[in-house]
Amino acid sequence: MRVHYTGRKAELAEGERKKLQRKFDKIHRVLNRRSDLEARVILSRQRHLCEAEVTLRALRHTLVVTHAAVEPFGAVHGALEKLEKQAVRNKHKIIDTHRPGRQRDRPAAVVAESISDLEAEIGRAPVAEPRRSPPIIRSNSLAPKPLTAEGAALELEVSGRDHISYRDADSGKVHVLLRRRDGVLELVEGE
């Protein structure tokens, strides 16, 4: 974790910075040891009070805390205590958001694919999930008497439905007349 210190009439000694670095390392471990974390510490002194503002950029989130104390080290230490609590409270929100298609109990698609490839190389066949077919709804909406295409179009207009299946009067084959979304009728001829 990179830490940048800025002091306005207040500074920290090198030994104090090392102690605070341990605290930053602990927060870094809480946030899943990402290497792209960057923290900024701004110290400012007004009369007898020193105020510390710590801003931590973690993934796509920014955590900001402030704390005031008499000494600069105490102000930064208090702010880091608050930052640690905030990081623990928001850990899953910071780490797990914006990962589409990912469940916590299942590995990502790329990981699952590499696992199955590895198992295939070893000789064990992975247990494949059965593919589910789309649900099929049975319909007994075949017109009771043979119709022509024009008669089926009239029947479709009267019924208000989006499709009608009928037996063609000339050929005896089953046809389906569909109303598409743009309003055009489409005829599907059976064999």
N, C-alpha and C. Protein backbone atom coordinates (compact mmCIF):
# COMPACT_ATOMS: atom_id res chain seq x y z
N MET A 1 0.84 -1.17 0.00
CA MET A 1 0.00 0.00 0.00
C MET A 1 0.89 1.24 0.00
N ARG A 2 0.59 2.15 -0.91
CA ARG A 2 1.33 3.40 -0.98
C ARG A 2 0.65 4.42 -0.08
N VAL A 3 1.44 5.11 0.74
CA VAL A 3 0.90 6.13 1.66
C VAL A 3 1.64 7.43 1.38
N HIS A 4 0.87 8.50 1.16
CA HIS A 4 1.43 9.82 0.91
C HIS A 4 1.05 10.73 2.08
N TYR A 5 2.04 11.35 2.70
CA TYR A 5 1.80 12.24 3.83
C TYR A 5 1.94 13.69 3.38
N THR A 6 1.00 14.52 3.83
CA THR A 6 1.06 15.96 3.60
C THR A 6 0.86 16.64 4.93
N GLY A 7 1.76 17.52 5.30
CA GLY A 7 1.67 18.20 6.58
C GLY A 7 1.48 19.69 6.43
N ARG A 8 0.52 20.22 7.13
CA ARG A 8 0.30 21.67 7.18
C ARG A 8 0.51 22.10 8.62
N LYS A 9 1.69 22.58 8.89
CA LYS A 9 2.12 22.98 10.24
C LYS A 9 2.18 21.79 11.20
N ALA A 10 2.23 20.57 10.68
CA ALA A 10 2.36 19.38 11.53
C ALA A 10 3.10 18.31 10.73
N GLU A 11 4.00 17.60 11.39
CA GLU A 11 4.79 16.55 10.74
C GLU A 11 4.85 15.33 11.65
N LEU A 12 5.14 14.18 11.03
CA LEU A 12 5.34 12.93 11.77
C LEU A 12 6.80 12.52 11.67
N ALA A 13 7.32 11.96 12.74
CA ALA A 13 8.69 11.45 12.74
C ALA A 13 8.72 10.14 11.96
N GLU A 14 9.92 9.73 11.53
CA GLU A 14 10.06 8.51 10.75
C GLU A 14 9.63 7.28 11.55
N GLY A 15 9.93 7.24 12.84
CA GLY A 15 9.52 6.11 13.68
C GLY A 15 8.00 6.02 13.81
N GLU A 16 7.34 7.17 13.89
CA GLU A 16 5.88 7.18 13.96
C GLU A 16 5.27 6.70 12.64
N ARG A 17 5.89 7.06 11.53
CA ARG A 17 5.39 6.61 10.23
C ARG A 17 5.49 5.09 10.09
N LYS A 18 6.57 4.50 10.64
CA LYS A 18 6.71 3.04 10.59
C LYS A 18 5.63 2.35 11.41
N LYS A 19 5.31 2.93 12.58
CA LYS A 19 4.24 2.36 13.40
C LYS A 19 2.90 2.46 12.67
N LEU A 20 2.68 3.58 12.02
CA LEU A 20 1.42 3.76 11.28
C LEU A 20 1.37 2.87 10.05
N GLN A 21 2.55 2.55 9.48
CA GLN A 21 2.57 1.67 8.31
C GLN A 21 2.05 0.28 8.66
N ARG A 22 2.31 -0.19 9.89
CA ARG A 22 1.77 -1.48 10.33
C ARG A 22 0.25 -1.45 10.34
N LYS A 23 -0.31 -0.33 10.76
CA LYS A 23 -1.76 -0.18 10.78
C LYS A 23 -2.32 -0.17 9.36
N PHE A 24 -1.61 0.52 8.45
CA PHE A 24 -2.03 0.51 7.04
C PHE A 24 -1.95 -0.90 6.45
N ASP A 25 -0.92 -1.66 6.84
CA ASP A 25 -0.78 -3.04 6.35
C ASP A 25 -1.95 -3.90 6.83
N LYS A 26 -2.41 -3.67 8.04
CA LYS A 26 -3.54 -4.42 8.57
C LYS A 26 -4.80 -4.11 7.76
N ILE A 27 -5.02 -2.85 7.44
CA ILE A 27 -6.16 -2.47 6.61
C ILE A 27 -6.03 -3.07 5.22
N HIS A 28 -4.80 -3.12 4.72
CA HIS A 28 -4.54 -3.72 3.42
C HIS A 28 -4.91 -5.20 3.42
N ARG A 29 -4.61 -5.92 4.49
CA ARG A 29 -4.98 -7.33 4.60
C ARG A 29 -6.49 -7.50 4.68
N VAL A 30 -7.17 -6.60 5.36
CA VAL A 30 -8.64 -6.67 5.46
C VAL A 30 -9.26 -6.54 4.08
N LEU A 31 -8.69 -5.68 3.25
CA LEU A 31 -9.25 -5.43 1.92
C LEU A 31 -8.66 -6.37 0.87
N ASN A 32 -8.39 -7.58 1.26
CA ASN A 32 -8.04 -8.66 0.33
C ASN A 32 -6.69 -8.49 -0.34
N ARG A 33 -5.78 -7.77 0.25
CA ARG A 33 -4.39 -7.65 -0.21
C ARG A 33 -4.27 -7.21 -1.66
N ARG A 34 -5.10 -6.31 -2.08
CA ARG A 34 -5.00 -5.76 -3.43
C ARG A 34 -3.78 -4.85 -3.50
N SER A 35 -3.05 -4.89 -4.59
CA SER A 35 -1.85 -4.07 -4.68
C SER A 35 -2.14 -2.65 -5.17
N ASP A 36 -3.36 -2.37 -5.58
CA ASP A 36 -3.67 -1.07 -6.14
C ASP A 36 -4.24 -0.10 -5.11
N LEU A 37 -3.95 -0.30 -3.84
CA LEU A 37 -4.46 0.59 -2.80
C LEU A 37 -3.52 1.78 -2.62
N GLU A 38 -4.11 2.94 -2.44
CA GLU A 38 -3.33 4.15 -2.25
C GLU A 38 -4.01 4.99 -1.17
N ALA A 39 -3.24 5.44 -0.20
CA ALA A 39 -3.78 6.25 0.90
C ALA A 39 -3.09 7.61 0.94
N ARG A 40 -3.85 8.61 1.31
CA ARG A 40 -3.32 9.96 1.48
C ARG A 40 -3.66 10.42 2.89
N VAL A 41 -2.65 10.93 3.59
CA VAL A 41 -2.82 11.44 4.95
C VAL A 41 -2.52 12.93 4.92
N ILE A 42 -3.49 13.73 5.36
CA ILE A 42 -3.30 15.18 5.42
C ILE A 42 -3.38 15.59 6.88
N LEU A 43 -2.29 16.17 7.37
CA LEU A 43 -2.23 16.65 8.76
C LEU A 43 -2.30 18.16 8.76
N SER A 44 -3.12 18.71 9.64
CA SER A 44 -3.17 20.17 9.77
C SER A 44 -3.30 20.54 11.24
N ARG A 45 -2.62 21.61 11.63
CA ARG A 45 -2.66 22.05 13.02
C ARG A 45 -3.31 23.43 13.07
N GLN A 46 -4.27 23.54 14.01
CA GLN A 46 -4.91 24.83 14.28
C GLN A 46 -4.86 25.04 15.79
N ARG A 47 -4.14 26.02 16.21
CA ARG A 47 -3.89 26.33 17.62
C ARG A 47 -3.34 25.11 18.34
N HIS A 48 -4.09 24.53 19.26
CA HIS A 48 -3.58 23.40 20.04
C HIS A 48 -4.12 22.06 19.55
N LEU A 49 -4.90 22.04 18.46
CA LEU A 49 -5.54 20.81 17.97
C LEU A 49 -4.96 20.42 16.61
N CYS A 50 -4.65 19.14 16.48
CA CYS A 50 -4.13 18.62 15.23
C CYS A 50 -5.20 17.72 14.61
N GLU A 51 -5.51 17.93 13.34
CA GLU A 51 -6.54 17.15 12.66
C GLU A 51 -5.90 16.33 11.55
N ALA A 52 -6.31 15.06 11.45
CA ALA A 52 -5.80 14.17 10.41
C ALA A 52 -6.96 13.71 9.53
N GLU A 53 -6.75 13.78 8.23
CA GLU A 53 -7.73 13.27 7.27
C GLU A 53 -7.04 12.19 6.45
N VAL A 54 -7.63 10.98 6.45
CA VAL A 54 -7.06 9.85 5.72
C VAL A 54 -8.05 9.47 4.62
N THR A 55 -7.55 9.45 3.39
CA THR A 55 -8.35 9.07 2.23
C THR A 55 -7.74 7.82 1.63
N LEU A 56 -8.54 6.77 1.48
CA LEU A 56 -8.06 5.49 0.95
C LEU A 56 -8.84 5.16 -0.30
N ARG A 57 -8.12 4.96 -1.40
CA ARG A 57 -8.75 4.52 -2.65
C ARG A 57 -8.64 3.01 -2.72
N ALA A 58 -9.78 2.33 -2.67
CA ALA A 58 -9.82 0.87 -2.73
C ALA A 58 -10.73 0.45 -3.86
N LEU A 59 -10.13 -0.12 -4.89
CA LEU A 59 -10.85 -0.51 -6.10
C LEU A 59 -11.62 0.69 -6.63
N ARG A 60 -12.95 0.63 -6.70
CA ARG A 60 -13.72 1.75 -7.22
C ARG A 60 -14.34 2.59 -6.11
N HIS A 61 -13.90 2.41 -4.88
CA HIS A 61 -14.48 3.13 -3.74
C HIS A 61 -13.43 4.01 -3.08
N THR A 62 -13.90 5.05 -2.42
CA THR A 62 -13.03 5.94 -1.67
C THR A 62 -13.53 6.01 -0.24
N LEU A 63 -12.66 5.68 0.70
CA LEU A 63 -13.00 5.76 2.12
C LEU A 63 -12.29 6.98 2.70
N VAL A 64 -13.04 7.84 3.38
CA VAL A 64 -12.47 9.06 3.95
C VAL A 64 -12.85 9.12 5.43
N VAL A 65 -11.85 9.34 6.29
CA VAL A 65 -12.09 9.50 7.72
C VAL A 65 -11.27 10.68 8.24
N THR A 66 -11.76 11.30 9.31
CA THR A 66 -11.03 12.39 9.97
C THR A 66 -11.03 12.14 11.47
N HIS A 67 -10.01 12.65 12.11
CA HIS A 67 -9.91 12.54 13.56
C HIS A 67 -9.04 13.69 14.06
N ALA A 68 -9.40 14.21 15.22
CA ALA A 68 -8.63 15.31 15.79
C ALA A 68 -8.07 14.89 17.15
N ALA A 69 -6.84 15.32 17.44
CA ALA A 69 -6.18 15.04 18.71
C ALA A 69 -5.15 16.13 18.97
N VAL A 70 -4.52 16.06 20.14
CA VAL A 70 -3.52 17.06 20.50
C VAL A 70 -2.23 16.84 19.71
N GLU A 71 -1.81 15.59 19.54
CA GLU A 71 -0.59 15.24 18.85
C GLU A 71 -0.89 14.73 17.44
N PRO A 72 -0.01 14.95 16.48
CA PRO A 72 -0.24 14.45 15.11
C PRO A 72 -0.34 12.93 15.05
N PHE A 73 0.52 12.22 15.79
CA PHE A 73 0.48 10.76 15.78
C PHE A 73 -0.86 10.25 16.31
N GLY A 74 -1.36 10.83 17.38
CA GLY A 74 -2.65 10.43 17.94
C GLY A 74 -3.79 10.69 16.98
N ALA A 75 -3.72 11.79 16.24
CA ALA A 75 -4.77 12.11 15.27
C ALA A 75 -4.80 11.08 14.14
N VAL A 76 -3.61 10.76 13.61
CA VAL A 76 -3.55 9.79 12.52
C VAL A 76 -3.94 8.40 13.01
N HIS A 77 -3.48 8.02 14.20
CA HIS A 77 -3.81 6.71 14.76
C HIS A 77 -5.32 6.58 14.97
N GLY A 78 -5.95 7.61 15.50
CA GLY A 78 -7.41 7.58 15.68
C GLY A 78 -8.15 7.50 14.35
N ALA A 79 -7.64 8.21 13.34
CA ALA A 79 -8.27 8.15 12.02
C ALA A 79 -8.12 6.76 11.42
N LEU A 80 -6.96 6.11 11.65
CA LEU A 80 -6.77 4.76 11.12
C LEU A 80 -7.66 3.74 11.83
N GLU A 81 -7.94 3.95 13.11
CA GLU A 81 -8.89 3.08 13.82
C GLU A 81 -10.26 3.17 13.16
N LYS A 82 -10.70 4.40 12.86
CA LYS A 82 -11.98 4.59 12.18
C LYS A 82 -11.97 3.98 10.79
N LEU A 83 -10.85 4.14 10.09
CA LEU A 83 -10.73 3.61 8.73
C LEU A 83 -10.80 2.08 8.73
N GLU A 84 -10.17 1.47 9.72
CA GLU A 84 -10.21 0.01 9.82
C GLU A 84 -11.64 -0.48 10.04
N LYS A 85 -12.38 0.18 10.93
CA LYS A 85 -13.77 -0.20 11.16
C LYS A 85 -14.61 -0.03 9.90
N GLN A 86 -14.37 1.06 9.19
CA GLN A 86 -15.11 1.31 7.96
C GLN A 86 -14.76 0.28 6.89
N ALA A 87 -13.50 -0.11 6.81
CA ALA A 87 -13.07 -1.11 5.82
C ALA A 87 -13.68 -2.47 6.13
N VAL A 88 -13.71 -2.85 7.40
CA VAL A 88 -14.31 -4.13 7.79
C VAL A 88 -15.80 -4.12 7.49
N ARG A 89 -16.45 -3.01 7.79
CA ARG A 89 -17.90 -2.91 7.59
C ARG A 89 -18.26 -2.96 6.09
N ASN A 90 -17.44 -2.38 5.25
CA ASN A 90 -17.75 -2.30 3.83
C ASN A 90 -16.93 -3.25 2.96
N LYS A 91 -16.28 -4.24 3.57
CA LYS A 91 -15.36 -5.11 2.84
C LYS A 91 -16.04 -5.81 1.67
N HIS A 92 -17.18 -6.45 1.90
CA HIS A 92 -17.83 -7.20 0.83
C HIS A 92 -18.36 -6.26 -0.25
N LYS A 93 -18.79 -5.10 0.13
CA LYS A 93 -19.28 -4.13 -0.84
C LYS A 93 -18.13 -3.65 -1.73
N ILE A 94 -16.98 -3.44 -1.15
CA ILE A 94 -15.84 -2.94 -1.90
C ILE A 94 -15.28 -4.03 -2.81
N ILE A 95 -15.19 -5.26 -2.32
CA ILE A 95 -14.53 -6.33 -3.07
C ILE A 95 -15.46 -7.01 -4.06
N ASP A 96 -16.72 -7.28 -3.69
CA ASP A 96 -17.58 -8.13 -4.49
C ASP A 96 -18.47 -7.43 -5.50
N THR A 97 -18.53 -6.12 -5.51
CA THR A 97 -19.45 -5.47 -6.43
C THR A 97 -18.90 -5.44 -7.84
N HIS A 98 -19.79 -5.28 -8.78
CA HIS A 98 -19.47 -5.15 -10.20
C HIS A 98 -18.73 -6.36 -10.74
N ARG A 99 -19.18 -7.52 -10.35
CA ARG A 99 -18.66 -8.75 -10.94
C ARG A 99 -19.87 -9.49 -11.52
N PRO A 100 -20.24 -9.21 -12.75
CA PRO A 100 -21.46 -9.80 -13.30
C PRO A 100 -21.35 -11.31 -13.45
N GLY A 101 -22.45 -11.98 -13.23
CA GLY A 101 -22.50 -13.42 -13.42
C GLY A 101 -21.71 -14.21 -12.41
N ARG A 102 -21.41 -13.67 -11.29
CA ARG A 102 -20.57 -14.37 -10.32
C ARG A 102 -21.36 -14.64 -9.05
N GLN A 103 -21.37 -15.86 -8.63
CA GLN A 103 -21.99 -16.24 -7.37
C GLN A 103 -20.87 -16.58 -6.40
N ARG A 104 -21.12 -16.40 -5.14
CA ARG A 104 -20.05 -16.67 -4.16
C ARG A 104 -19.75 -18.15 -4.03
N ASP A 105 -20.75 -19.02 -4.27
CA ASP A 105 -20.52 -20.45 -4.09
C ASP A 105 -20.04 -21.13 -5.37
N ARG A 106 -20.03 -20.43 -6.51
CA ARG A 106 -19.55 -21.01 -7.76
C ARG A 106 -18.35 -20.23 -8.26
N PRO A 107 -17.36 -20.93 -8.86
CA PRO A 107 -16.22 -20.20 -9.40
C PRO A 107 -16.61 -19.46 -10.67
N ALA A 108 -15.79 -18.53 -11.06
CA ALA A 108 -16.03 -17.77 -12.28
C ALA A 108 -15.98 -18.71 -13.49
N ALA A 109 -16.53 -18.29 -14.60
CA ALA A 109 -16.62 -19.14 -15.80
C ALA A 109 -15.24 -19.54 -16.30
N VAL A 110 -14.29 -18.63 -16.27
CA VAL A 110 -12.94 -18.93 -16.74
C VAL A 110 -12.28 -19.97 -15.83
N VAL A 111 -12.48 -19.83 -14.54
CA VAL A 111 -11.90 -20.78 -13.59
C VAL A 111 -12.55 -22.15 -13.75
N ALA A 112 -13.88 -22.18 -13.90
CA ALA A 112 -14.57 -23.46 -14.08
C ALA A 112 -14.11 -24.16 -15.35
N GLU A 113 -13.90 -23.40 -16.41
CA GLU A 113 -13.44 -23.98 -17.68
C GLU A 113 -12.03 -24.55 -17.54
N SER A 114 -11.15 -23.83 -16.85
CA SER A 114 -9.79 -24.34 -16.69
C SER A 114 -9.76 -25.57 -15.78
N ILE A 115 -10.66 -25.62 -14.79
CA ILE A 115 -10.75 -26.80 -13.93
C ILE A 115 -11.20 -28.01 -14.74
N SER A 116 -12.21 -27.82 -15.60
CA SER A 116 -12.70 -28.95 -16.40
C SER A 116 -11.64 -29.40 -17.40
N ASP A 117 -10.87 -28.45 -17.98
CA ASP A 117 -9.78 -28.82 -18.90
C ASP A 117 -8.71 -29.62 -18.17
N LEU A 118 -8.39 -29.20 -16.96
CA LEU A 118 -7.38 -29.89 -16.17
C LEU A 118 -7.84 -31.30 -15.82
N GLU A 119 -9.11 -31.44 -15.43
CA GLU A 119 -9.64 -32.76 -15.10
C GLU A 119 -9.66 -33.67 -16.33
N ALA A 120 -9.94 -33.10 -17.50
CA ALA A 120 -9.93 -33.89 -18.72
C ALA A 120 -8.52 -34.38 -19.04
N GLU A 121 -7.50 -33.54 -18.79
CA GLU A 121 -6.12 -33.94 -19.02
C GLU A 121 -5.71 -35.06 -18.07
N ILE A 122 -6.17 -34.99 -16.84
CA ILE A 122 -5.82 -36.00 -15.85
C ILE A 122 -6.48 -37.33 -16.19
N GLY A 123 -7.64 -37.26 -16.81
CA GLY A 123 -8.32 -38.49 -17.16
C GLY A 123 -9.66 -38.63 -16.50
N ARG A 124 -9.96 -37.75 -15.58
CA ARG A 124 -11.26 -37.81 -14.95
C ARG A 124 -12.20 -36.95 -15.77
N ALA A 125 -13.32 -37.50 -16.08
CA ALA A 125 -14.31 -36.72 -16.83
C ALA A 125 -15.11 -35.89 -15.83
N PRO A 126 -15.22 -34.62 -16.07
CA PRO A 126 -16.00 -33.78 -15.15
C PRO A 126 -17.48 -34.12 -15.24
N VAL A 127 -18.14 -33.97 -14.15
CA VAL A 127 -19.57 -34.22 -14.11
C VAL A 127 -20.25 -33.00 -14.72
N ALA A 128 -20.86 -33.22 -15.86
CA ALA A 128 -21.50 -32.11 -16.56
C ALA A 128 -22.94 -31.97 -16.09
N GLU A 129 -23.36 -30.75 -15.96
CA GLU A 129 -24.74 -30.49 -15.60
C GLU A 129 -25.61 -30.79 -16.80
N PRO A 130 -26.76 -31.42 -16.58
CA PRO A 130 -27.64 -31.69 -17.72
C PRO A 130 -28.17 -30.38 -18.29
N ARG A 131 -28.17 -30.30 -19.61
CA ARG A 131 -28.68 -29.10 -20.25
C ARG A 131 -30.20 -29.10 -20.17
N ARG A 132 -30.71 -27.96 -19.80
CA ARG A 132 -32.16 -27.84 -19.69
C ARG A 132 -32.70 -27.27 -20.99
N SER A 133 -33.71 -27.92 -21.50
CA SER A 133 -34.34 -27.42 -22.71
C SER A 133 -35.40 -26.40 -22.31
N PRO A 134 -35.73 -25.51 -23.21
CA PRO A 134 -36.77 -24.54 -22.88
C PRO A 134 -38.10 -25.24 -22.64
N PRO A 135 -38.94 -24.69 -21.80
CA PRO A 135 -40.21 -25.36 -21.52
C PRO A 135 -41.09 -25.41 -22.77
N ILE A 136 -41.75 -26.53 -22.95
CA ILE A 136 -42.64 -26.74 -24.08
C ILE A 136 -44.07 -26.75 -23.55
N ILE A 137 -44.88 -25.91 -24.15
CA ILE A 137 -46.29 -25.83 -23.75
C ILE A 137 -47.11 -26.47 -24.85
N ARG A 138 -47.85 -27.47 -24.50
CA ARG A 138 -48.69 -28.17 -25.49
C ARG A 138 -49.98 -27.38 -25.69
N SER A 139 -50.39 -27.32 -26.91
CA SER A 139 -51.59 -26.56 -27.25
C SER A 139 -52.48 -27.40 -28.15
N ASN A 140 -53.73 -27.41 -27.85
CA ASN A 140 -54.71 -28.11 -28.68
C ASN A 140 -55.50 -27.10 -29.50
N SER A 141 -54.80 -26.17 -30.09
CA SER A 141 -55.47 -25.09 -30.79
C SER A 141 -55.53 -25.32 -32.30
N LEU A 142 -55.49 -26.58 -32.74
CA LEU A 142 -55.62 -26.88 -34.16
C LEU A 142 -57.07 -26.63 -34.56
N ALA A 143 -57.24 -25.87 -35.63
CA ALA A 143 -58.60 -25.54 -36.08
C ALA A 143 -59.34 -26.84 -36.41
N PRO A 144 -60.62 -26.96 -35.99
CA PRO A 144 -61.34 -28.22 -36.17
C PRO A 144 -61.64 -28.55 -37.63
N LYS A 145 -61.74 -27.57 -38.50
CA LYS A 145 -62.05 -27.85 -39.90
C LYS A 145 -60.92 -27.34 -40.77
N PRO A 146 -60.71 -27.93 -41.95
CA PRO A 146 -59.67 -27.44 -42.85
C PRO A 146 -59.97 -26.02 -43.30
N LEU A 147 -58.89 -25.20 -43.40
CA LEU A 147 -59.01 -23.81 -43.78
C LEU A 147 -58.05 -23.48 -44.92
N THR A 148 -58.31 -22.38 -45.57
CA THR A 148 -57.35 -21.83 -46.53
C THR A 148 -56.53 -20.77 -45.79
N ALA A 149 -55.50 -20.24 -46.41
CA ALA A 149 -54.64 -19.23 -45.78
C ALA A 149 -55.45 -17.96 -45.49
N GLU A 150 -56.36 -17.56 -46.41
CA GLU A 150 -57.18 -16.37 -46.20
C GLU A 150 -58.15 -16.58 -45.04
N GLY A 151 -58.75 -17.78 -44.97
CA GLY A 151 -59.67 -18.09 -43.88
C GLY A 151 -58.96 -18.11 -42.53
N ALA A 152 -57.71 -18.60 -42.52
CA ALA A 152 -56.94 -18.62 -41.28
C ALA A 152 -56.59 -17.20 -40.84
N ALA A 153 -56.31 -16.29 -41.83
CA ALA A 153 -56.02 -14.90 -41.51
C ALA A 153 -57.25 -14.24 -40.88
N LEU A 154 -58.44 -14.51 -41.44
CA LEU A 154 -59.67 -13.97 -40.86
C LEU A 154 -59.91 -14.51 -39.45
N GLU A 155 -59.67 -15.80 -39.27
CA GLU A 155 -59.84 -16.43 -37.94
C GLU A 155 -58.86 -15.84 -36.94
N LEU A 156 -57.64 -15.53 -37.37
CA LEU A 156 -56.63 -14.93 -36.51
C LEU A 156 -57.04 -13.53 -36.08
N GLU A 157 -57.61 -12.75 -36.99
CA GLU A 157 -58.09 -11.40 -36.66
C GLU A 157 -59.24 -11.45 -35.68
N VAL A 158 -60.16 -12.40 -35.87
CA VAL A 158 -61.34 -12.50 -35.00
C VAL A 158 -60.94 -12.95 -33.59
N SER A 159 -60.01 -13.92 -33.49
CA SER A 159 -59.66 -14.48 -32.19
C SER A 159 -58.79 -13.53 -31.37
N GLY A 160 -58.00 -12.65 -32.03
CA GLY A 160 -57.12 -11.72 -31.31
C GLY A 160 -55.85 -12.38 -30.80
N ARG A 161 -55.59 -13.60 -31.19
CA ARG A 161 -54.36 -14.29 -30.76
C ARG A 161 -53.21 -13.97 -31.70
N ASP A 162 -52.02 -14.44 -31.36
CA ASP A 162 -50.83 -14.16 -32.17
C ASP A 162 -50.52 -15.28 -33.16
N HIS A 163 -51.18 -16.41 -33.03
CA HIS A 163 -50.93 -17.51 -33.96
C HIS A 163 -52.17 -18.39 -34.07
N ILE A 164 -52.23 -19.13 -35.16
CA ILE A 164 -53.27 -20.13 -35.34
C ILE A 164 -52.67 -21.28 -36.15
N SER A 165 -52.95 -22.49 -35.74
CA SER A 165 -52.50 -23.66 -36.49
C SER A 165 -53.74 -24.29 -37.12
N TYR A 166 -53.62 -24.71 -38.36
CA TYR A 166 -54.76 -25.24 -39.08
C TYR A 166 -54.30 -26.26 -40.10
N ARG A 167 -55.23 -27.09 -40.57
CA ARG A 167 -54.95 -28.06 -41.63
C ARG A 167 -55.39 -27.40 -42.95
N ASP A 168 -54.46 -27.36 -43.91
CA ASP A 168 -54.73 -26.71 -45.18
C ASP A 168 -55.79 -27.50 -45.95
N ALA A 169 -56.75 -26.78 -46.52
CA ALA A 169 -57.87 -27.43 -47.23
C ALA A 169 -57.40 -28.08 -48.52
N ASP A 170 -56.40 -27.52 -49.18
CA ASP A 170 -55.95 -28.05 -50.47
C ASP A 170 -55.01 -29.24 -50.31
N SER A 171 -53.97 -29.09 -49.46
CA SER A 171 -52.93 -30.13 -49.37
C SER A 171 -53.14 -31.09 -48.20
N GLY A 172 -53.88 -30.68 -47.17
CA GLY A 172 -54.09 -31.53 -46.00
C GLY A 172 -52.95 -31.46 -45.00
N LYS A 173 -51.97 -30.62 -45.24
CA LYS A 173 -50.83 -30.48 -44.33
C LYS A 173 -51.16 -29.46 -43.25
N VAL A 174 -50.44 -29.56 -42.11
CA VAL A 174 -50.64 -28.64 -41.00
C VAL A 174 -49.77 -27.40 -41.23
N HIS A 175 -50.39 -26.22 -41.14
CA HIS A 175 -49.70 -24.95 -41.28
C HIS A 175 -49.91 -24.12 -40.03
N VAL A 176 -49.01 -23.15 -39.81
CA VAL A 176 -49.13 -22.22 -38.69
C VAL A 176 -49.05 -20.82 -39.26
N LEU A 177 -50.01 -19.98 -38.87
CA LEU A 177 -50.02 -18.59 -39.28
C LEU A 177 -49.70 -17.75 -38.06
N LEU A 178 -48.63 -16.93 -38.14
CA LEU A 178 -48.15 -16.15 -37.01
C LEU A 178 -48.30 -14.66 -37.29
N ARG A 179 -48.61 -13.89 -36.24
CA ARG A 179 -48.56 -12.43 -36.35
C ARG A 179 -47.27 -11.98 -35.69
N ARG A 180 -46.37 -11.39 -36.50
CA ARG A 180 -45.09 -10.92 -35.97
C ARG A 180 -45.30 -9.64 -35.18
N ARG A 181 -44.25 -9.19 -34.50
CA ARG A 181 -44.35 -7.98 -33.68
C ARG A 181 -44.62 -6.73 -34.51
N ASP A 182 -44.17 -6.75 -35.76
CA ASP A 182 -44.40 -5.57 -36.61
C ASP A 182 -45.79 -5.62 -37.29
N GLY A 183 -46.60 -6.63 -36.99
CA GLY A 183 -47.97 -6.71 -37.50
C GLY A 183 -48.10 -7.54 -38.77
N VAL A 184 -47.02 -7.95 -39.39
CA VAL A 184 -47.06 -8.72 -40.61
C VAL A 184 -47.38 -10.18 -40.27
N LEU A 185 -48.22 -10.82 -41.12
CA LEU A 185 -48.56 -12.23 -40.90
C LEU A 185 -47.53 -13.10 -41.61
N GLU A 186 -47.11 -14.16 -40.93
CA GLU A 186 -46.10 -15.08 -41.48
C GLU A 186 -46.69 -16.47 -41.51
N LEU A 187 -46.57 -17.14 -42.64
CA LEU A 187 -47.12 -18.47 -42.80
C LEU A 187 -45.99 -19.49 -42.74
N VAL A 188 -46.10 -20.47 -41.84
CA VAL A 188 -45.15 -21.57 -41.74
C VAL A 188 -45.84 -22.80 -42.24
N GLU A 189 -45.33 -23.34 -43.37
CA GLU A 189 -45.97 -24.48 -44.02
C GLU A 189 -45.35 -25.76 -43.53
N GLY A 190 -46.16 -26.74 -43.16
CA GLY A 190 -45.68 -28.03 -42.72
C GLY A 190 -45.41 -28.96 -43.90
N GLU A 191 -44.74 -30.02 -43.61
CA GLU A 191 -44.40 -30.97 -44.69
C GLU A 191 -45.36 -32.12 -44.69
